[in-house]
């Protein structure tokens, strides 16, 4: 526990654990919701074009069908 004269350690608020100064908690009406204090970094996600994704799915489906045909032949 920190004494009143000790400074709060400087830990980034994006991690799993961090310190929040008492004054800040008090100013927020003692609301201890993590989302009030945690810094969230959003990263932009770039997806492939839908046609490219569909083509990949079709290719995978063809591979699966070919594998199923081989398995069926083994069971015959």
Protein backbone atom coordinates (compact mmCIF):
# COMPACT_ATOMS: atom_id res chain seq x y z
CA UNK A 1 0.00 0.00 0.00
CA UNK A 2 1.27 3.46 -0.84
CA UNK A 3 1.65 6.18 1.74
CA UNK A 4 -0.12 9.47 1.04
CA UNK A 5 3.22 11.08 0.16
CA UNK A 6 4.28 8.36 -2.28
CA UNK A 7 3.75 8.94 -5.97
CA UNK A 8 1.61 6.46 -7.87
CA UNK A 9 3.82 4.23 -10.03
CA UNK A 10 3.69 5.11 -13.74
CA UNK A 11 2.22 2.03 -15.40
CA UNK A 12 0.51 2.16 -18.75
CA UNK A 13 -3.23 1.65 -18.49
CA UNK A 14 -3.42 -0.60 -21.52
CA UNK A 15 -2.10 -3.61 -19.61
CA UNK A 16 -3.91 -6.13 -17.44
CA UNK A 17 -3.04 -4.36 -14.20
CA UNK A 18 -2.39 -0.70 -13.44
CA UNK A 19 -2.66 1.90 -10.71
CA UNK A 20 -5.18 4.75 -10.68
CA UNK A 21 -4.64 7.75 -8.40
CA UNK A 22 -7.14 8.05 -5.55
CA UNK A 23 -8.05 11.59 -6.64
CA UNK A 24 -9.10 10.35 -10.07
CA UNK A 25 -11.26 7.60 -8.55
CA UNK A 26 -12.80 10.12 -6.17
CA UNK A 27 -13.49 12.55 -9.05
CA UNK A 28 -15.35 9.74 -10.83
CA UNK A 29 -17.66 9.17 -7.85
CA UNK A 30 -15.73 6.08 -6.71
CA UNK A 31 -16.78 4.26 -9.89
CA UNK A 32 -14.40 1.30 -10.15
CA UNK A 33 -15.47 0.20 -13.63
CA UNK A 34 -12.29 -0.79 -15.46
CA UNK A 35 -13.49 0.77 -18.72
CA UNK A 36 -13.49 4.17 -17.04
CA UNK A 37 -9.74 4.02 -16.43
CA UNK A 38 -8.27 1.55 -18.89
CA UNK A 39 -6.85 2.89 -22.14
CA UNK A 40 -8.05 0.92 -25.13
CA UNK A 41 -6.05 0.97 -28.33
CA UNK A 42 -8.01 0.23 -31.46
CA UNK A 43 -6.24 -1.13 -34.50
CA UNK A 44 -7.70 -0.82 -37.94
CA UNK A 45 -8.31 -4.19 -39.54
CA UNK A 46 -8.04 -4.53 -43.29
CA UNK A 47 -9.95 -7.43 -44.75
CA UNK A 48 -9.58 -8.97 -48.17
CA UNK A 49 -12.18 -8.21 -50.78
CA UNK A 50 -15.27 -10.45 -50.47
CA UNK A 51 -14.65 -11.99 -53.90
CA UNK A 52 -11.16 -13.06 -52.83
CA UNK A 53 -12.53 -14.60 -49.64
CA UNK A 54 -15.21 -16.46 -51.60
CA UNK A 55 -12.62 -17.80 -54.05
CA UNK A 56 -10.50 -19.09 -51.16
CA UNK A 57 -13.57 -20.74 -49.63
CA UNK A 58 -14.39 -22.42 -52.94
CA UNK A 59 -10.81 -23.71 -53.23
CA UNK A 60 -10.95 -25.09 -49.68
CA UNK A 61 -14.30 -26.69 -50.41
CA UNK A 62 -12.86 -28.42 -53.49
CA UNK A 63 -9.94 -29.75 -51.40
CA UNK A 64 -12.36 -31.04 -48.77
CA UNK A 65 -14.49 -32.76 -51.42
CA UNK A 66 -11.39 -34.39 -52.92
CA UNK A 67 -10.32 -35.64 -49.48
CA UNK A 68 -13.82 -37.01 -48.85
CA UNK A 69 -13.71 -38.85 -52.17
CA UNK A 70 -10.40 -40.44 -51.18
CA UNK A 71 -11.83 -41.49 -47.81
CA UNK A 72 -14.91 -42.92 -49.46
CA UNK A 73 -12.75 -44.94 -51.85
CA UNK A 74 -10.77 -46.31 -48.89
CA UNK A 75 -13.98 -47.46 -47.22
CA UNK A 76 -15.24 -49.23 -50.34
